Amino acid sequence: MKYIPLTEEQKAKVNPYHIITDRDTFDEAILMIGKKVVKLSNRPFKSELKVNTATGVVRNPNTHLWALTFVEDESVVDVKQLRIE
């Protein structure tokens, strides 16, 4: 997958810190693909599991930040809310 920067419209909707760290977040997301991840909040995913397997990297349509998709459900969760188990 290739890095695509935030558009000007997306930049207007996100915190300036996330604009600065956008590329680093993308690189972190790529490293998470295929790994088991958990939410920093310790809350379950939509699958009701505490651990999901990351399958892909997308822009979250709600936050415009980099997010992961999962094998176990259709949820999309921002990378900043996750860690590798």
Protein backbone atom coordinates (compact mmCIF):
# COMPACT_ATOMS: atom_id res chain seq x y z
CA MET A 1 0.00 0.00 0.00
CA LYS A 2 1.21 3.48 -0.83
CA TYR A 3 1.08 6.47 1.51
CA ILE A 4 -1.46 9.12 0.47
CA PRO A 5 -1.26 12.43 2.39
CA LEU A 6 -4.29 14.15 3.86
CA THR A 7 -6.20 16.39 1.46
CA GLU A 8 -6.66 20.06 2.35
CA GLU A 9 -10.29 19.33 3.21
CA GLN A 10 -9.25 16.52 5.58
CA LYS A 11 -6.54 18.69 7.16
CA ALA A 12 -9.19 21.25 8.08
CA LYS A 13 -11.04 18.58 10.09
CA VAL A 14 -8.21 17.04 12.13
CA ASN A 15 -5.99 18.12 15.00
CA PRO A 16 -2.72 19.73 13.75
CA TYR A 17 -0.72 17.11 15.69
CA HIS A 18 -2.26 14.37 13.55
CA ILE A 19 -1.28 16.22 10.37
CA ILE A 20 2.37 16.28 11.51
CA THR A 21 2.39 12.59 12.52
CA ASP A 22 0.30 11.31 9.59
CA ARG A 23 3.21 9.59 7.79
CA ASP A 24 4.53 7.99 10.99
CA THR A 25 1.06 6.68 11.80
CA PHE A 26 0.81 5.15 8.33
CA ASP A 27 4.18 3.43 8.76
CA GLU A 28 3.08 2.10 12.17
CA ALA A 29 -0.15 0.78 10.63
CA ILE A 30 1.74 -1.11 7.92
CA LEU A 31 3.78 -2.87 10.63
CA MET A 32 0.55 -3.95 12.39
CA ILE A 33 -0.91 -5.81 9.39
CA GLY A 34 -1.15 -9.52 10.14
CA LYS A 35 -0.55 -8.98 13.85
CA LYS A 36 -2.91 -9.39 16.80
CA VAL A 37 -3.90 -5.98 18.18
CA VAL A 38 -5.81 -4.72 21.21
CA LYS A 39 -7.44 -1.39 22.00
CA LEU A 40 -5.58 0.86 24.43
CA SER A 41 -8.92 1.37 26.20
CA ASN A 42 -9.14 -2.41 26.77
CA ARG A 43 -12.68 -2.33 25.34
CA PRO A 44 -13.78 -5.10 22.95
CA PHE A 45 -14.06 -4.75 19.19
CA LYS A 46 -17.42 -5.09 17.39
CA SER A 47 -16.73 -8.83 17.30
CA GLU A 48 -16.91 -8.68 21.12
CA LEU A 49 -13.34 -10.00 21.21
CA LYS A 50 -10.57 -8.13 23.03
CA VAL A 51 -7.99 -9.15 20.38
CA ASN A 52 -8.39 -8.81 16.60
CA THR A 53 -6.11 -9.56 13.66
CA ALA A 54 -5.29 -6.51 11.51
CA THR A 55 -5.76 -7.06 7.76
CA GLY A 56 -5.57 -3.67 6.10
CA VAL A 57 -4.92 0.05 6.36
CA VAL A 58 -7.57 2.62 5.41
CA ARG A 59 -8.47 6.22 6.12
CA ASN A 60 -11.19 6.24 8.75
CA PRO A 61 -14.13 7.98 7.00
CA ASN A 62 -15.21 9.57 10.29
CA THR A 63 -11.90 10.89 11.66
CA HIS A 64 -9.81 11.03 8.44
CA LEU A 65 -6.95 9.33 10.33
CA TRP A 66 -5.18 6.08 9.41
CA ALA A 67 -7.08 3.07 10.71
CA LEU A 68 -6.97 -0.72 10.56
CA THR A 69 -9.49 -3.27 9.31
CA PHE A 70 -9.79 -6.75 10.79
CA VAL A 71 -10.39 -10.43 10.01
CA GLU A 72 -12.91 -10.90 12.83
CA ASP A 73 -15.34 -8.07 12.00
CA GLU A 74 -16.01 -5.09 9.72
CA SER A 75 -14.86 -2.45 12.19
CA VAL A 76 -12.42 0.33 11.39
CA VAL A 77 -10.33 1.58 14.33
CA ASP A 78 -7.81 4.43 14.33
CA VAL A 79 -4.20 3.29 14.72
CA LYS A 80 -3.71 5.72 17.61
CA GLN A 81 -6.22 3.65 19.62
CA LEU A 82 -4.40 0.34 19.12
CA ARG A 83 -1.28 -1.53 20.13
CA ILE A 84 0.21 -4.85 19.10
CA GLU A 85 -0.59 -7.57 21.62
